[in-house]
PDB file of N, CA and C in Angstrom:
ATOM      1  N   MET A   1     147.626  78.447-134.929  1.00  0.00           N
ATOM      2  CA  MET A   1     146.978  78.048-136.161  1.00  0.00           C
ATOM      3  C   MET A   1     145.735  78.927-136.362  1.00  0.00           C
ATOM      4  N   ASN A   2     145.526  79.388-137.589  1.00  0.00           N
ATOM      5  CA  ASN A   2     144.367  80.235-137.843  1.00  0.00           C
ATOM      6  C   ASN A   2     143.163  79.395-138.278  1.00  0.00           C
ATOM      7  N   LYS A   3     142.077  80.072-138.649  1.00  0.00           N
ATOM      8  CA  LYS A   3     140.849  79.355-139.005  1.00  0.00           C
ATOM      9  C   LYS A   3     140.967  78.540-140.298  1.00  0.00           C
ATOM     10  N   PHE A   4     142.034  78.788-141.074  1.00  0.00           N
ATOM     11  CA  PHE A   4     142.252  78.018-142.292  1.00  0.00           C
ATOM     12  C   PHE A   4     143.214  76.856-142.082  1.00  0.00           C
ATOM     13  N   GLY A   5     143.683  76.692-140.855  1.00  0.00           N
ATOM     14  CA  GLY A   5     144.579  75.594-140.544  1.00  0.00           C
ATOM     15  C   GLY A   5     146.040  75.867-140.882  1.00  0.00           C
ATOM     16  N   LEU A   6     146.388  77.130-141.066  1.00  0.00           N
ATOM     17  CA  LEU A   6     147.763  77.496-141.400  1.00  0.00           C
ATOM     18  C   LEU A   6     148.453  78.117-140.186  1.00  0.00           C
ATOM     19  N   THR A   7     149.702  77.805-140.020  1.00  0.00           N
ATOM     20  CA  THR A   7     150.456  78.379-138.914  1.00  0.00           C
ATOM     21  C   THR A   7     151.006  79.743-139.332  1.00  0.00           C
ATOM     22  N   ASP A   8     151.417  80.547-138.354  1.00  0.00           N
ATOM     23  CA  ASP A   8     152.004  81.856-138.639  1.00  0.00           C
ATOM     24  C   ASP A   8     153.264  81.732-139.483  1.00  0.00           C
ATOM     25  N   GLU A   9     154.039  80.679-139.261  1.00  0.00           N
ATOM     26  CA  GLU A   9     155.269  80.490-140.023  1.00  0.00           C
ATOM     27  C   GLU A   9     154.968  80.278-141.509  1.00  0.00           C
ATOM     28  N   VAL A  10     153.937  79.499-141.807  1.00  0.00           N
ATOM     29  CA  VAL A  10     153.552  79.255-143.203  1.00  0.00           C
ATOM     30  C   VAL A  10     153.086  80.557-143.837  1.00  0.00           C
ATOM     31  N   LEU A  11     152.271  81.312-143.129  1.00  0.00           N
ATOM     32  CA  LEU A  11     151.786  82.576-143.664  1.00  0.00           C
ATOM     33  C   LEU A  11     152.928  83.554-143.895  1.00  0.00           C
ATOM     34  N   ASP A  12     153.866  83.651-142.951  1.00  0.00           N
ATOM     35  CA  ASP A  12     155.016  84.542-143.102  1.00  0.00           C
ATOM     36  C   ASP A  12     155.845  84.162-144.319  1.00  0.00           C
ATOM     37  N   SER A  13     156.050  82.876-144.556  1.00  0.00           N
ATOM     38  CA  SER A  13     156.857  82.452-145.699  1.00  0.00           C
ATOM     39  C   SER A  13     156.149  82.802-147.001  1.00  0.00           C
ATOM     40  N   GLN A  14     154.831  82.739-147.023  1.00  0.00           N
ATOM     41  CA  GLN A  14     154.089  83.090-148.232  1.00  0.00           C
ATOM     42  C   GLN A  14     154.170  84.586-148.507  1.00  0.00           C
ATOM     43  N   ILE A  15     154.159  85.393-147.460  1.00  0.00           N
ATOM     44  CA  ILE A  15     154.275  86.838-147.623  1.00  0.00           C
ATOM     45  C   ILE A  15     155.649  87.184-148.188  1.00  0.00           C
ATOM     46  N   VAL A  16     156.694  86.573-147.680  1.00  0.00           N
ATOM     47  CA  VAL A  16     158.049  86.836-148.169  1.00  0.00           C
ATOM     48  C   VAL A  16     158.171  86.431-149.632  1.00  0.00           C
ATOM     49  N   GLU A  17     157.652  85.271-149.997  1.00  0.00           N
ATOM     50  CA  GLU A  17     157.727  84.814-151.384  1.00  0.00           C
ATOM     51  C   GLU A  17     156.971  85.761-152.303  1.00  0.00           C
ATOM     52  N   THR A  18     155.810  86.223-151.876  1.00  0.00           N
ATOM     53  CA  THR A  18     155.019  87.141-152.688  1.00  0.00           C
ATOM     54  C   THR A  18     155.759  88.453-152.874  1.00  0.00           C
ATOM     55  N   LYS A  19     156.344  88.998-151.819  1.00  0.00           N
ATOM     56  CA  LYS A  19     157.081  90.250-151.907  1.00  0.00           C
ATOM     57  C   LYS A  19     158.263  90.102-152.853  1.00  0.00           C
ATOM     58  N   GLN A  20     158.958  88.986-152.793  1.00  0.00           N
ATOM     59  CA  GLN A  20     160.097  88.766-153.669  1.00  0.00           C
ATOM     60  C   GLN A  20     159.654  88.661-155.125  1.00  0.00           C
ATOM     61  N   GLU A  21     158.459  88.130-155.352  1.00  0.00           N
ATOM     62  CA  GLU A  21     157.966  87.973-156.709  1.00  0.00           C
ATOM     63  C   GLU A  21     157.570  89.308-157.332  1.00  0.00           C
ATOM     64  N   ILE A  22     157.094  90.254-156.514  1.00  0.00           N
ATOM     65  CA  ILE A  22     156.608  91.510-157.076  1.00  0.00           C
ATOM     66  C   ILE A  22     157.617  92.648-156.999  1.00  0.00           C
ATOM     67  N   ASP A  23     158.628  92.554-156.169  1.00  0.00           N
ATOM     68  CA  ASP A  23     159.636  93.604-156.082  1.00  0.00           C
ATOM     69  C   ASP A  23     160.620  93.462-157.231  1.00  0.00           C
ATOM     70  N   LYS A  24     160.647  94.447-158.093  1.00  0.00           N
ATOM     71  CA  LYS A  24     161.587  94.454-159.213  1.00  0.00           C
ATOM     72  C   LYS A  24     162.736  95.379-158.859  1.00  0.00           C
ATOM     73  N   LYS A  25     163.947  94.944-159.158  1.00  0.00           N
ATOM     74  CA  LYS A  25     165.145  95.713-158.845  1.00  0.00           C
ATOM     75  C   LYS A  25     165.610  96.492-160.074  1.00  0.00           C
ATOM     76  N   CYS A  26     166.126  97.677-159.825  1.00  0.00           N
ATOM     77  CA  CYS A  26     166.678  98.519-160.879  1.00  0.00           C
ATOM     78  C   CYS A  26     167.953  97.890-161.419  1.00  0.00           C
ATOM     79  N   GLU A  27     168.099  97.899-162.736  1.00  0.00           N
ATOM     80  CA  GLU A  27     169.299  97.361-163.373  1.00  0.00           C
ATOM     81  C   GLU A  27     170.534  98.197-163.063  1.00  0.00           C
ATOM     82  N   CYS A  28     170.328  99.493-162.808  1.00  0.00           N
ATOM     83  CA  CYS A  28     171.462 100.399-162.605  1.00  0.00           C
ATOM     84  C   CYS A  28     171.951 100.457-161.159  1.00  0.00           C
ATOM     85  N   CYS A  29     171.007 100.563-160.206  1.00  0.00           N
ATOM     86  CA  CYS A  29     171.436 100.771-158.818  1.00  0.00           C
ATOM     87  C   CYS A  29     170.907  99.726-157.840  1.00  0.00           C
ATOM     88  N   ALA A  30     170.114  98.784-158.318  1.00  0.00           N
ATOM     89  CA  ALA A  30     169.530  97.704-157.513  1.00  0.00           C
ATOM     90  C   ALA A  30     168.485  98.193-156.511  1.00  0.00           C
ATOM     91  N   GLY A  31     167.989  99.409-156.689  1.00  0.00           N
ATOM     92  CA  GLY A  31     166.903  99.905-155.844  1.00  0.00           C
ATOM     93  C   GLY A  31     165.581  99.267-156.249  1.00  0.00           C
ATOM     94  N   ASP A  32     164.603  99.315-155.354  1.00  0.00           N
ATOM     95  CA  ASP A  32     163.279  98.780-155.665  1.00  0.00           C
ATOM     96  C   ASP A  32     162.560  99.728-156.625  1.00  0.00           C
ATOM     97  N   MET A  33     162.108  99.182-157.741  1.00  0.00           N
ATOM     98  CA  MET A  33     161.401  99.978-158.741  1.00  0.00           C
ATOM     99  C   MET A  33     159.980 100.276-158.265  1.00  0.00           C
ATOM    100  N   ASP A  34     159.464 101.431-158.644  1.00  0.00           N
ATOM    101  CA  ASP A  34     158.095 101.835-158.348  1.00  0.00           C
ATOM    102  C   ASP A  34     157.311 101.938-159.650  1.00  0.00           C
ATOM    103  N   PHE A  35     155.994 101.758-159.556  1.00  0.00           N
ATOM    104  CA  PHE A  35     155.128 101.919-160.715  1.00  0.00           C
ATOM    105  C   PHE A  35     154.993 103.406-161.030  1.00  0.00           C
ATOM    106  N   ASP A  36     155.147 103.765-162.287  1.00  0.00           N
ATOM    107  CA  ASP A  36     155.002 105.150-162.737  1.00  0.00           C
ATOM    108  C   ASP A  36     153.706 105.252-163.531  1.00  0.00           C
ATOM    109  N   PRO A  37     152.646 105.833-162.942  1.00  0.00           N
ATOM    110  CA  PRO A  37     151.354 105.876-163.631  1.00  0.00           C
ATOM    111  C   PRO A  37     151.366 106.722-164.905  1.00  0.00           C
ATOM    112  N   SER A  38     152.284 107.669-165.006  1.00  0.00           N
ATOM    113  CA  SER A  38     152.316 108.524-166.196  1.00  0.00           C
ATOM    114  C   SER A  38     152.782 107.750-167.431  1.00  0.00           C
ATOM    115  N   THR A  39     153.617 106.731-167.236  1.00  0.00           N
ATOM    116  CA  THR A  39     154.099 105.938-168.372  1.00  0.00           C
ATOM    117  C   THR A  39     153.525 104.527-168.392  1.00  0.00           C
ATOM    118  N   GLY A  40     152.969 104.108-167.256  1.00  0.00           N
ATOM    119  CA  GLY A  40     152.454 102.742-167.154  1.00  0.00           C
ATOM    120  C   GLY A  40     153.558 101.719-166.965  1.00  0.00           C
ATOM    121  N   GLY A  41     154.779 102.195-166.688  1.00  0.00           N
ATOM    122  CA  GLY A  41     155.915 101.296-166.505  1.00  0.00           C
ATOM    123  C   GLY A  41     156.539 101.460-165.132  1.00  0.00           C
ATOM    124  N   LEU A  42     157.748 100.964-165.007  1.00  0.00           N
ATOM    125  CA  LEU A  42     158.459 101.055-163.741  1.00  0.00           C
ATOM    126  C   LEU A  42     159.478 102.183-163.796  1.00  0.00           C
ATOM    127  N   LEU A  43     159.706 102.808-162.642  1.00  0.00           N
ATOM    128  CA  LEU A  43     160.656 103.906-162.528  1.00  0.00           C
ATOM    129  C   LEU A  43     161.409 103.757-161.214  1.00  0.00           C
ATOM    130  N   CYS A  44     162.727 103.915-161.281  1.00  0.00           N
ATOM    131  CA  CYS A  44     163.527 103.845-160.061  1.00  0.00           C
ATOM    132  C   CYS A  44     163.492 105.202-159.377  1.00  0.00           C
ATOM    133  N   PRO A  45     163.029 105.246-158.122  1.00  0.00           N
ATOM    134  CA  PRO A  45     162.966 106.531-157.410  1.00  0.00           C
ATOM    135  C   PRO A  45     164.340 107.025-156.960  1.00  0.00           C
ATOM    136  N   PHE A  46     165.351 106.174-157.077  1.00  0.00           N
ATOM    137  CA  PHE A  46     166.692 106.534-156.617  1.00  0.00           C
ATOM    138  C   PHE A  46     167.538 107.142-157.729  1.00  0.00           C
ATOM    139  N   CYS A  47     167.533 106.505-158.911  1.00  0.00           N
ATOM    140  CA  CYS A  47     168.405 107.002-159.983  1.00  0.00           C
ATOM    141  C   CYS A  47     167.626 107.452-161.220  1.00  0.00           C
ATOM    142  N   GLY A  48     166.312 107.208-161.252  1.00  0.00           N
ATOM    143  CA  GLY A  48     165.498 107.654-162.377  1.00  0.00           C
ATOM    144  C   GLY A  48     165.453 106.710-163.558  1.00  0.00           C
ATOM    145  N   HIS A  49     166.094 105.551-163.456  1.00  0.00           N
ATOM    146  CA  HIS A  49     166.096 104.576-164.552  1.00  0.00           C
ATOM    147  C   HIS A  49     164.691 104.068-164.817  1.00  0.00           C
ATOM    148  N   LYS A  50     164.354 103.922-166.104  1.00  0.00           N
ATOM    149  CA  LYS A  50     163.023 103.416-166.486  1.00  0.00           C
ATOM    150  C   LYS A  50     163.133 102.034-167.065  1.00  0.00           C
TER     151      LYS A  50
END
C-alpha cells in the first residue's frame, strides 16, 4: 500500500484504463495513432491514415 492508501493492483488497473482511453486505433489497419503536430490531428505511423 502506498502513502495514499492504494494498492499496486489498484494503481495498475488505473494505468491500463487510462492507456485504453487515450490510445486511438487506426480505422484502416488498427495500429495505434500518433499525434501529428503539423496538422494538429492524428496520423497512423503504419499506413499513413489521417
